[in-house]
């Protein structure tokens, strides 16, 4: 087996691997988690977002995104649409026919992401889904704070070794690794 060494700058090492940067990532995690938890909770308490009759708000959101495609431009040759055609096709074929399911998934996802980041449990996974969800909102033509959320989630994913240091990851991940090693040794 060949061994390769890749040098890393001191700054990159500090941000992504040094426990000394853990307080910074704790603040980033708490902020991002709070943003997702509050967004999810506001949707959870709103019947047009969550429950058996949910979907009305998501339908308005999807229809608004579909109006940002090239199809609705007055001069399609000179138009730079906010929503790509392939993403509009996804919204029309997968989201619109299943509004209740997608609406409930958005709400539960936002709450789960928020809780995961705040308590620091499965931080890398929660950050990935925060990135994924914000990126999908961005693809749907909603800029607002999504670029900032994407960058913060990306930072947490890159610093996953220390981002959950002040959280439940510090205890849960070693326990899970030990349990999986023990099970694989027994079989």
N, C-alpha and C. Protein backbone atom coordinates (compact mmCIF):
# COMPACT_ATOMS: atom_id res chain seq x y z
N UNK A 1 0.84 -1.17 0.00
CA UNK A 1 0.00 0.00 0.00
C UNK A 1 0.88 1.24 0.00
N UNK A 2 0.54 2.20 -0.82
CA UNK A 2 1.27 3.45 -0.88
C UNK A 2 0.70 4.44 0.13
N UNK A 3 1.57 5.23 0.71
CA UNK A 3 1.16 6.27 1.64
C UNK A 3 1.49 7.63 1.04
N UNK A 4 0.54 8.50 1.03
CA UNK A 4 0.72 9.85 0.50
C UNK A 4 0.47 10.85 1.60
N UNK A 5 1.25 11.92 1.58
CA UNK A 5 1.08 12.97 2.56
C UNK A 5 0.63 14.23 1.83
N UNK A 6 -0.42 14.83 2.35
CA UNK A 6 -0.93 16.08 1.80
C UNK A 6 -0.78 17.14 2.87
N UNK A 7 -0.09 18.23 2.53
CA UNK A 7 0.09 19.29 3.49
C UNK A 7 -1.14 20.19 3.52
N UNK A 8 -1.42 20.67 4.71
CA UNK A 8 -2.57 21.54 4.92
C UNK A 8 -2.06 22.82 5.59
N UNK A 9 -2.63 23.94 5.19
CA UNK A 9 -2.21 25.19 5.81
C UNK A 9 -2.64 25.21 7.27
N UNK A 10 -1.96 26.02 8.05
CA UNK A 10 -2.28 26.12 9.47
C UNK A 10 -3.69 26.65 9.68
N UNK A 11 -4.10 27.57 8.83
CA UNK A 11 -5.44 28.13 8.95
C UNK A 11 -6.51 27.08 8.65
N UNK A 12 -6.32 26.32 7.57
CA UNK A 12 -7.28 25.27 7.22
C UNK A 12 -7.32 24.21 8.32
N UNK A 13 -6.16 23.86 8.87
CA UNK A 13 -6.12 22.88 9.96
C UNK A 13 -6.87 23.41 11.18
N UNK A 14 -6.66 24.68 11.50
CA UNK A 14 -7.35 25.28 12.64
C UNK A 14 -8.87 25.20 12.45
N UNK A 15 -9.35 25.57 11.26
CA UNK A 15 -10.80 25.59 11.03
C UNK A 15 -11.43 24.21 10.96
N UNK A 16 -10.73 23.24 10.39
CA UNK A 16 -11.37 21.95 10.12
C UNK A 16 -10.97 20.81 11.05
N UNK A 17 -9.86 20.97 11.80
CA UNK A 17 -9.40 19.83 12.59
C UNK A 17 -8.99 20.17 14.02
N UNK A 18 -8.79 21.41 14.34
CA UNK A 18 -8.34 21.78 15.67
C UNK A 18 -9.52 21.99 16.62
N UNK A 19 -9.41 21.40 17.78
CA UNK A 19 -10.47 21.56 18.79
C UNK A 19 -10.56 23.01 19.26
N UNK A 20 -9.49 23.78 19.04
CA UNK A 20 -9.53 25.19 19.42
C UNK A 20 -10.57 25.97 18.62
N UNK A 21 -10.98 25.47 17.44
CA UNK A 21 -12.01 26.15 16.65
C UNK A 21 -13.41 25.67 17.00
N UNK A 22 -13.53 24.72 17.91
CA UNK A 22 -14.85 24.19 18.29
C UNK A 22 -15.82 25.26 18.79
N UNK A 23 -15.37 26.27 19.58
CA UNK A 23 -16.32 27.31 19.99
C UNK A 23 -16.91 28.08 18.81
N UNK A 24 -16.10 28.32 17.79
CA UNK A 24 -16.59 29.00 16.59
C UNK A 24 -17.67 28.15 15.92
N UNK A 25 -17.39 26.87 15.76
CA UNK A 25 -18.37 25.99 15.09
C UNK A 25 -19.61 25.78 15.95
N UNK A 26 -19.46 25.87 17.26
CA UNK A 26 -20.63 25.81 18.14
C UNK A 26 -21.56 26.98 17.84
N UNK A 27 -20.99 28.19 17.72
CA UNK A 27 -21.81 29.36 17.41
C UNK A 27 -22.47 29.23 16.04
N UNK A 28 -21.72 28.76 15.05
CA UNK A 28 -22.28 28.57 13.71
C UNK A 28 -23.39 27.53 13.75
N UNK A 29 -23.14 26.42 14.45
CA UNK A 29 -24.14 25.36 14.57
C UNK A 29 -25.41 25.86 15.24
N UNK A 30 -25.25 26.61 16.33
CA UNK A 30 -26.42 27.12 17.05
C UNK A 30 -27.22 28.08 16.18
N UNK A 31 -26.54 28.96 15.46
CA UNK A 31 -27.24 29.90 14.59
C UNK A 31 -27.99 29.17 13.49
N UNK A 32 -27.31 28.27 12.79
CA UNK A 32 -27.94 27.53 11.69
C UNK A 32 -29.08 26.66 12.21
N UNK A 33 -28.84 26.01 13.34
CA UNK A 33 -29.89 25.18 13.94
C UNK A 33 -31.10 25.99 14.34
N UNK A 34 -30.87 27.15 14.91
CA UNK A 34 -31.97 28.03 15.30
C UNK A 34 -32.79 28.46 14.09
N UNK A 35 -32.10 28.84 13.02
CA UNK A 35 -32.79 29.25 11.79
C UNK A 35 -33.70 28.14 11.27
N UNK A 36 -33.20 26.93 11.22
CA UNK A 36 -34.00 25.82 10.72
C UNK A 36 -35.10 25.42 11.69
N UNK A 37 -34.80 25.41 12.99
CA UNK A 37 -35.81 25.03 13.97
C UNK A 37 -36.97 26.02 13.97
N UNK A 38 -36.69 27.29 13.95
CA UNK A 38 -37.75 28.30 13.95
C UNK A 38 -38.57 28.23 12.67
N UNK A 39 -37.89 28.05 11.52
CA UNK A 39 -38.62 27.94 10.25
C UNK A 39 -39.52 26.71 10.27
N UNK A 40 -39.00 25.60 10.76
CA UNK A 40 -39.80 24.38 10.84
C UNK A 40 -40.94 24.49 11.83
N UNK A 41 -40.69 25.11 12.98
CA UNK A 41 -41.73 25.24 13.99
C UNK A 41 -42.86 26.15 13.50
N UNK A 42 -42.51 27.24 12.83
CA UNK A 42 -43.54 28.12 12.28
C UNK A 42 -44.40 27.38 11.26
N UNK A 43 -43.80 26.53 10.47
CA UNK A 43 -44.57 25.73 9.51
C UNK A 43 -45.37 24.65 10.22
N UNK A 44 -44.81 24.05 11.27
CA UNK A 44 -45.49 22.98 12.01
C UNK A 44 -46.80 23.48 12.63
N UNK A 45 -46.80 24.71 13.10
CA UNK A 45 -47.99 25.26 13.75
C UNK A 45 -48.97 25.86 12.75
N UNK A 46 -48.66 25.79 11.47
CA UNK A 46 -49.51 26.35 10.43
C UNK A 46 -50.16 25.22 9.64
N UNK A 47 -51.49 25.10 9.65
CA UNK A 47 -52.15 23.96 8.99
C UNK A 47 -51.99 23.92 7.47
N UNK A 48 -51.60 25.02 6.84
CA UNK A 48 -51.39 24.96 5.39
C UNK A 48 -50.02 24.38 5.05
N UNK A 49 -49.18 24.17 6.08
CA UNK A 49 -47.87 23.54 5.87
C UNK A 49 -47.81 22.13 6.41
N UNK A 50 -48.45 21.87 7.55
CA UNK A 50 -48.28 20.57 8.19
C UNK A 50 -49.62 19.98 8.60
N UNK A 51 -49.76 18.69 8.38
CA UNK A 51 -50.97 17.97 8.75
C UNK A 51 -51.62 17.35 7.53
N UNK A 52 -52.81 16.83 7.73
CA UNK A 52 -53.53 16.15 6.66
C UNK A 52 -53.99 17.07 5.54
N UNK A 53 -54.23 18.34 5.85
CA UNK A 53 -54.68 19.30 4.84
C UNK A 53 -53.55 20.18 4.35
N UNK A 54 -52.32 19.80 4.62
CA UNK A 54 -51.16 20.62 4.23
C UNK A 54 -50.99 20.62 2.73
N UNK A 55 -50.20 21.53 2.28
CA UNK A 55 -49.86 21.58 0.86
C UNK A 55 -50.21 22.88 0.18
N UNK A 56 -51.10 23.66 0.77
CA UNK A 56 -51.51 24.91 0.12
C UNK A 56 -50.34 25.88 0.01
N UNK A 57 -49.55 26.00 1.05
CA UNK A 57 -48.41 26.92 1.02
C UNK A 57 -47.34 26.43 0.05
N UNK A 58 -47.10 25.13 0.05
CA UNK A 58 -46.11 24.58 -0.87
C UNK A 58 -46.57 24.70 -2.31
N UNK A 59 -47.86 24.56 -2.54
CA UNK A 59 -48.38 24.72 -3.89
C UNK A 59 -48.14 26.15 -4.39
N UNK A 60 -48.37 27.14 -3.54
CA UNK A 60 -48.10 28.52 -3.91
C UNK A 60 -46.61 28.75 -4.16
N UNK A 61 -45.77 28.13 -3.34
CA UNK A 61 -44.32 28.25 -3.51
C UNK A 61 -43.88 27.63 -4.84
N UNK A 62 -44.38 26.43 -5.15
CA UNK A 62 -44.01 25.74 -6.39
C UNK A 62 -44.53 26.50 -7.59
N UNK A 63 -45.76 26.96 -7.54
CA UNK A 63 -46.30 27.74 -8.66
C UNK A 63 -45.52 29.03 -8.88
N UNK A 64 -45.09 29.66 -7.79
CA UNK A 64 -44.25 30.85 -7.92
C UNK A 64 -42.91 30.52 -8.56
N UNK A 65 -42.35 29.37 -8.22
CA UNK A 65 -41.09 28.94 -8.82
C UNK A 65 -41.26 28.64 -10.30
N UNK A 66 -42.38 28.02 -10.65
CA UNK A 66 -42.62 27.69 -12.05
C UNK A 66 -42.79 28.94 -12.91
N UNK A 67 -43.26 30.02 -12.31
CA UNK A 67 -43.39 31.28 -13.05
C UNK A 67 -42.06 31.98 -13.26
N UNK A 68 -41.00 31.45 -12.65
CA UNK A 68 -39.67 32.03 -12.81
C UNK A 68 -38.84 31.27 -13.85
N UNK A 69 -39.50 30.45 -14.66
CA UNK A 69 -38.79 29.71 -15.70
C UNK A 69 -38.81 30.49 -17.01
N UNK A 70 -38.04 30.04 -17.98
CA UNK A 70 -37.94 30.71 -19.28
C UNK A 70 -39.28 30.70 -20.01
N UNK A 71 -40.11 29.72 -19.72
CA UNK A 71 -41.41 29.58 -20.37
C UNK A 71 -42.28 30.83 -20.18
N UNK A 72 -42.11 31.51 -19.05
CA UNK A 72 -42.95 32.67 -18.74
C UNK A 72 -42.29 34.00 -19.09
N UNK A 73 -41.11 33.97 -19.71
CA UNK A 73 -40.43 35.21 -20.10
C UNK A 73 -41.08 35.79 -21.35
N UNK A 74 -41.16 37.10 -21.40
CA UNK A 74 -41.72 37.76 -22.58
C UNK A 74 -40.82 37.54 -23.80
N UNK A 75 -39.53 37.60 -23.60
CA UNK A 75 -38.56 37.38 -24.67
C UNK A 75 -37.61 36.27 -24.22
N UNK A 76 -37.93 35.00 -24.47
CA UNK A 76 -37.13 33.88 -23.97
C UNK A 76 -35.66 33.93 -24.40
N UNK A 77 -35.36 34.51 -25.55
CA UNK A 77 -33.97 34.56 -26.02
C UNK A 77 -33.12 35.48 -25.14
N UNK A 78 -33.71 36.53 -24.60
CA UNK A 78 -32.98 37.49 -23.77
C UNK A 78 -33.22 37.26 -22.29
N UNK A 79 -33.95 36.24 -21.96
CA UNK A 79 -34.34 35.99 -20.57
C UNK A 79 -33.30 35.12 -19.85
N UNK A 80 -33.06 35.42 -18.61
CA UNK A 80 -32.22 34.60 -17.74
C UNK A 80 -33.11 34.14 -16.59
N UNK A 81 -33.75 32.99 -16.73
CA UNK A 81 -34.72 32.56 -15.72
C UNK A 81 -34.06 32.23 -14.39
N UNK A 82 -34.83 32.38 -13.33
CA UNK A 82 -34.35 32.06 -11.98
C UNK A 82 -34.40 30.56 -11.71
N UNK A 83 -35.25 29.84 -12.43
CA UNK A 83 -35.43 28.40 -12.20
C UNK A 83 -35.10 27.65 -13.48
N UNK A 84 -34.22 26.66 -13.37
CA UNK A 84 -33.84 25.85 -14.52
C UNK A 84 -35.02 24.98 -14.97
N UNK A 85 -35.04 24.66 -16.25
CA UNK A 85 -36.11 23.84 -16.80
C UNK A 85 -36.17 22.46 -16.18
N UNK A 86 -35.01 21.83 -15.95
CA UNK A 86 -35.01 20.49 -15.36
C UNK A 86 -35.56 20.51 -13.94
N UNK A 87 -35.29 21.59 -13.18
CA UNK A 87 -35.83 21.67 -11.83
C UNK A 87 -37.33 21.95 -11.86
N UNK A 88 -37.76 22.74 -12.82
CA UNK A 88 -39.20 22.99 -12.99
C UNK A 88 -39.92 21.69 -13.33
N UNK A 89 -39.30 20.85 -14.14
CA UNK A 89 -39.90 19.54 -14.46
C UNK A 89 -40.02 18.68 -13.21
N UNK A 90 -38.97 18.71 -12.37
CA UNK A 90 -39.04 17.97 -11.10
C UNK A 90 -40.19 18.48 -10.23
N UNK A 91 -40.31 19.81 -10.13
CA UNK A 91 -41.39 20.38 -9.32
C UNK A 91 -42.76 19.98 -9.85
N UNK A 92 -42.92 20.01 -11.17
CA UNK A 92 -44.21 19.66 -11.77
C UNK A 92 -44.53 18.18 -11.65
N UNK A 93 -43.54 17.32 -11.86
CA UNK A 93 -43.83 15.89 -11.92
C UNK A 93 -43.73 15.18 -10.58
N UNK A 94 -42.91 15.68 -9.66
CA UNK A 94 -42.74 14.98 -8.39
C UNK A 94 -43.36 15.71 -7.20
N UNK A 95 -43.28 17.03 -7.17
CA UNK A 95 -43.74 17.76 -6.00
C UNK A 95 -45.23 18.09 -6.08
N UNK A 96 -45.67 18.67 -7.19
CA UNK A 96 -47.09 19.06 -7.30
C UNK A 96 -48.07 17.91 -7.09
N UNK A 97 -47.82 16.71 -7.63
CA UNK A 97 -48.78 15.62 -7.38
C UNK A 97 -48.78 15.10 -5.94
N UNK A 98 -47.76 15.42 -5.16
CA UNK A 98 -47.64 14.90 -3.79
C UNK A 98 -47.40 16.03 -2.79
N UNK A 99 -48.22 17.04 -2.84
CA UNK A 99 -48.00 18.24 -2.03
C UNK A 99 -48.02 17.98 -0.53
N UNK A 100 -48.96 17.17 -0.07
CA UNK A 100 -49.06 16.92 1.38
C UNK A 100 -47.80 16.22 1.88
N UNK A 101 -47.34 15.21 1.14
CA UNK A 101 -46.15 14.47 1.55
C UNK A 101 -44.93 15.38 1.58
N UNK A 102 -44.71 16.15 0.51
CA UNK A 102 -43.55 17.03 0.45
C UNK A 102 -43.63 18.14 1.49
N UNK A 103 -44.81 18.67 1.72
CA UNK A 103 -44.97 19.74 2.70
C UNK A 103 -44.63 19.24 4.10
N UNK A 104 -45.17 18.07 4.45
CA UNK A 104 -44.86 17.49 5.75
C UNK A 104 -43.38 17.14 5.86
N UNK A 105 -42.76 16.66 4.77
CA UNK A 105 -41.34 16.33 4.78
C UNK A 105 -40.48 17.57 5.01
N UNK A 106 -40.87 18.68 4.40
CA UNK A 106 -40.12 19.94 4.60
C UNK A 106 -40.18 20.35 6.07
N UNK A 107 -41.34 20.28 6.65
CA UNK A 107 -41.51 20.69 8.05
C UNK A 107 -40.71 19.79 8.99
N UNK A 108 -40.88 18.49 8.85
CA UNK A 108 -40.17 17.55 9.72
C UNK A 108 -38.67 17.66 9.49
N UNK A 109 -38.27 17.83 8.23
CA UNK A 109 -36.85 17.98 7.92
C UNK A 109 -36.25 19.21 8.57
N UNK A 110 -36.92 20.34 8.48
CA UNK A 110 -36.39 21.56 9.08
C UNK A 110 -36.27 21.44 10.59
N UNK A 111 -37.26 20.83 11.23
CA UNK A 111 -37.20 20.65 12.68
C UNK A 111 -36.08 19.69 13.06
N UNK A 112 -35.96 18.58 12.34
CA UNK A 112 -34.89 17.61 12.62
C UNK A 112 -33.51 18.21 12.42
N UNK A 113 -33.34 18.97 11.35
CA UNK A 113 -32.06 19.64 11.10
C UNK A 113 -31.75 20.61 12.24
N UNK A 114 -32.73 21.41 12.61
CA UNK A 114 -32.53 22.38 13.68
C UNK A 114 -32.15 21.72 14.99
N UNK A 115 -32.88 20.69 15.37
CA UNK A 115 -32.57 20.00 16.63
C UNK A 115 -31.21 19.32 16.58
N UNK A 116 -30.91 18.66 15.45
CA UNK A 116 -29.63 17.99 15.31
C UNK A 116 -28.45 18.95 15.44
N UNK A 117 -28.58 20.12 14.82
CA UNK A 117 -27.48 21.09 14.90
C UNK A 117 -27.39 21.73 16.28
N UNK A 118 -28.51 22.00 16.90
CA UNK A 118 -28.48 22.66 18.21
C UNK A 118 -27.88 21.75 19.28
N UNK A 119 -28.29 20.48 19.30
CA UNK A 119 -27.74 19.57 20.32
C UNK A 119 -26.43 18.93 19.88
N UNK A 120 -26.07 19.11 18.62
CA UNK A 120 -24.81 18.56 18.12
C UNK A 120 -24.82 17.06 17.95
N UNK A 121 -25.95 16.51 17.53
CA UNK A 121 -26.06 15.07 17.30
C UNK A 121 -26.16 14.83 15.80
N UNK A 122 -25.29 13.99 15.28
CA UNK A 122 -25.18 13.72 13.84
C UNK A 122 -25.03 15.05 13.09
N UNK A 123 -24.08 15.83 13.55
CA UNK A 123 -23.87 17.18 13.04
C UNK A 123 -23.61 17.20 11.54
N UNK A 124 -22.75 16.31 11.07
CA UNK A 124 -22.41 16.30 9.64
C UNK A 124 -23.64 15.99 8.81
N UNK A 125 -24.45 15.04 9.24
CA UNK A 125 -25.67 14.68 8.52
C UNK A 125 -26.67 15.82 8.53
N UNK A 126 -26.85 16.45 9.69
CA UNK A 126 -27.77 17.59 9.79
C UNK A 126 -27.29 18.74 8.90
N UNK A 127 -25.99 18.98 8.88
CA UNK A 127 -25.45 20.06 8.04
C UNK A 127 -25.63 19.72 6.56
N UNK A 128 -25.46 18.44 6.20
CA UNK A 128 -25.67 18.05 4.81
C UNK A 128 -27.11 18.33 4.39
N UNK A 129 -28.07 17.95 5.23
CA UNK A 129 -29.46 18.18 4.86
C UNK A 129 -29.83 19.67 4.91
N UNK A 130 -29.18 20.44 5.77
CA UNK A 130 -29.38 21.89 5.75
C UNK A 130 -28.88 22.46 4.43
N UNK A 131 -27.71 22.00 3.98
CA UNK A 131 -27.16 22.39 2.69
C UNK A 131 -28.10 21.99 1.57
N UNK A 132 -28.55 20.75 1.59
CA UNK A 132 -29.40 20.20 0.53
C UNK A 132 -30.74 20.95 0.45
N UNK A 133 -31.35 21.19 1.60
CA UNK A 133 -32.65 21.87 1.61
C UNK A 133 -32.50 23.33 1.16
N UNK A 134 -31.50 24.02 1.65
CA UNK A 134 -31.28 25.42 1.25
C UNK A 134 -30.94 25.51 -0.24
N UNK A 135 -30.18 24.53 -0.74
CA UNK A 135 -29.83 24.52 -2.15
C UNK A 135 -31.07 24.30 -3.01
N UNK A 136 -31.99 23.45 -2.55
CA UNK A 136 -33.24 23.24 -3.29
C UNK A 136 -34.10 24.50 -3.29
N UNK A 137 -34.14 25.22 -2.19
CA UNK A 137 -34.88 26.48 -2.17
C UNK A 137 -34.24 27.48 -3.13
N UNK A 138 -32.92 27.46 -3.19
CA UNK A 138 -32.20 28.34 -4.11
C UNK A 138 -32.49 27.95 -5.56
N UNK A 139 -32.53 26.66 -5.85
CA UNK A 139 -32.87 26.20 -7.20
C UNK A 139 -34.29 26.59 -7.59
N UNK A 140 -35.16 26.74 -6.60
CA UNK A 140 -36.54 27.13 -6.86
C UNK A 140 -36.68 28.65 -7.00
N UNK A 141 -35.56 29.35 -7.00
CA UNK A 141 -35.61 30.78 -7.25
C UNK A 141 -35.76 31.64 -6.02
N UNK A 142 -35.64 31.06 -4.83
CA UNK A 142 -35.77 31.82 -3.60
C UNK A 142 -34.38 32.10 -3.05
N UNK A 143 -33.93 33.33 -3.17
CA UNK A 143 -32.57 33.65 -2.73
C UNK A 143 -32.57 33.91 -1.24
N UNK A 144 -33.24 34.92 -0.77
CA UNK A 144 -33.30 35.36 0.63
C UNK A 144 -32.00 35.06 1.37
N UNK A 145 -32.05 34.25 2.42
CA UNK A 145 -30.86 33.95 3.22
C UNK A 145 -30.24 32.60 2.85
N UNK A 146 -30.76 31.96 1.81
CA UNK A 146 -30.27 30.63 1.45
C UNK A 146 -28.79 30.56 1.10
N UNK A 147 -28.21 31.52 0.37
CA UNK A 147 -26.76 31.43 0.14
C UNK A 147 -25.94 31.43 1.44
N UNK A 148 -26.35 32.24 2.40
CA UNK A 148 -25.65 32.26 3.68
C UNK A 148 -25.80 30.92 4.40
N UNK A 149 -27.00 30.36 4.40
CA UNK A 149 -27.23 29.07 5.05
C UNK A 149 -26.43 27.97 4.38
N UNK A 150 -26.32 28.03 3.06
CA UNK A 150 -25.53 27.05 2.31
C UNK A 150 -24.07 27.13 2.72
N UNK A 151 -23.53 28.33 2.81
CA UNK A 151 -22.12 28.48 3.18
C UNK A 151 -21.86 28.01 4.61
N UNK A 152 -22.76 28.31 5.53
CA UNK A 152 -22.57 27.87 6.91
C UNK A 152 -22.66 26.34 7.01
N UNK A 153 -23.61 25.75 6.30
CA UNK A 153 -23.74 24.29 6.31
C UNK A 153 -22.52 23.64 5.68
N UNK A 154 -22.02 24.21 4.62
CA UNK A 154 -20.81 23.69 3.98
C UNK A 154 -19.62 23.78 4.93
N UNK A 155 -19.51 24.87 5.65
CA UNK A 155 -18.44 25.01 6.64
C UNK A 155 -18.52 23.94 7.71
N UNK A 156 -19.71 23.68 8.20
CA UNK A 156 -19.88 22.64 9.23
C UNK A 156 -19.52 21.27 8.66
N UNK A 157 -19.92 21.01 7.42
CA UNK A 157 -19.57 19.71 6.82
C UNK A 157 -18.06 19.56 6.68
N UNK A 158 -17.38 20.63 6.29
CA UNK A 158 -15.92 20.57 6.16
C UNK A 158 -15.22 20.42 7.51
N UNK A 159 -15.80 20.99 8.53
CA UNK A 159 -15.22 20.94 9.88
C UNK A 159 -15.91 19.89 10.75
N UNK A 160 -16.43 18.85 10.14
CA UNK A 160 -17.22 17.87 10.89
C UNK A 160 -16.46 17.23 12.04
N UNK A 161 -15.13 17.19 11.95
CA UNK A 161 -14.35 16.55 13.03
C UNK A 161 -14.42 17.34 14.33
N UNK A 162 -14.60 18.65 14.23
CA UNK A 162 -14.64 19.47 15.44
C UNK A 162 -15.98 20.20 15.62
N UNK A 163 -16.82 20.21 14.60
CA UNK A 163 -18.08 20.97 14.69
C UNK A 163 -19.01 20.41 15.76
N UNK A 164 -18.96 19.13 16.02
CA UNK A 164 -19.82 18.54 17.05
C UNK A 164 -19.11 18.30 18.36
N UNK A 165 -17.93 18.90 18.53
CA UNK A 165 -17.14 18.67 19.75
C UNK A 165 -17.92 19.08 21.00
N UNK A 166 -18.55 20.25 20.95
CA UNK A 166 -19.40 20.68 22.06
C UNK A 166 -20.83 20.29 21.73
N UNK A 167 -21.11 19.04 21.83
CA UNK A 167 -22.44 18.52 21.53
C UNK A 167 -22.47 17.03 21.79
N UNK A 168 -23.57 16.41 21.44
CA UNK A 168 -23.74 14.99 21.69
C UNK A 168 -22.88 14.11 20.78
N UNK A 169 -22.41 14.64 19.67
CA UNK A 169 -21.53 13.87 18.79
C UNK A 169 -20.27 13.41 19.53
N UNK A 170 -19.81 14.20 20.44
CA UNK A 170 -18.59 13.88 21.19
C UNK A 170 -18.74 12.55 21.94
N UNK A 171 -19.96 12.22 22.32
CA UNK A 171 -20.20 10.99 23.07
C UNK A 171 -20.88 9.92 22.23
N UNK A 172 -21.79 10.33 21.37
CA UNK A 172 -22.58 9.36 20.60
C UNK A 172 -21.77 8.68 19.52
N UNK A 173 -20.96 9.42 18.78
CA UNK A 173 -20.21 8.81 17.67
C UNK A 173 -19.20 7.77 18.13
N UNK A 174 -18.40 8.02 19.18
CA UNK A 174 -17.52 6.95 19.65
C UNK A 174 -18.29 5.72 20.14
N UNK A 175 -19.43 5.94 20.79
CA UNK A 175 -20.25 4.81 21.25
C UNK A 175 -20.76 3.99 20.06
N UNK A 176 -21.22 4.66 19.02
CA UNK A 176 -21.71 3.96 17.82
C UNK A 176 -20.58 3.19 17.16
N UNK A 177 -19.41 3.80 17.04
CA UNK A 177 -18.25 3.12 16.43
C UNK A 177 -17.88 1.87 17.23
N UNK A 178 -17.83 2.00 18.56
CA UNK A 178 -17.50 0.84 19.41
C UNK A 178 -18.53 -0.26 19.25
N UNK A 179 -19.80 0.11 19.22
CA UNK A 179 -20.88 -0.87 19.09
C UNK A 179 -20.80 -1.59 17.75
N UNK A 180 -20.54 -0.85 16.68
CA UNK A 180 -20.45 -1.48 15.36
C UNK A 180 -19.23 -2.38 15.26
N UNK A 181 -18.10 -1.97 15.85
CA UNK A 181 -16.91 -2.83 15.85
C UNK A 181 -17.16 -4.11 16.63
N UNK A 182 -17.83 -3.99 17.77
CA UNK A 182 -18.13 -5.15 18.59
C UNK A 182 -19.03 -6.12 17.85
N UNK A 183 -20.05 -5.59 17.19
CA UNK A 183 -20.96 -6.45 16.43
C UNK A 183 -20.26 -7.14 15.27
N UNK A 184 -19.38 -6.41 14.57
CA UNK A 184 -18.69 -7.02 13.45
C UNK A 184 -17.68 -8.07 13.92
N UNK A 185 -17.13 -7.88 15.12
CA UNK A 185 -16.19 -8.87 15.67
C UNK A 185 -16.90 -10.15 16.10
N UNK A 186 -18.16 -10.01 16.51
CA UNK A 186 -18.93 -11.17 16.96
C UNK A 186 -19.47 -12.00 15.80
N UNK A 187 -19.61 -11.41 14.64
CA UNK A 187 -20.18 -12.17 13.52
C UNK A 187 -19.13 -12.80 12.66
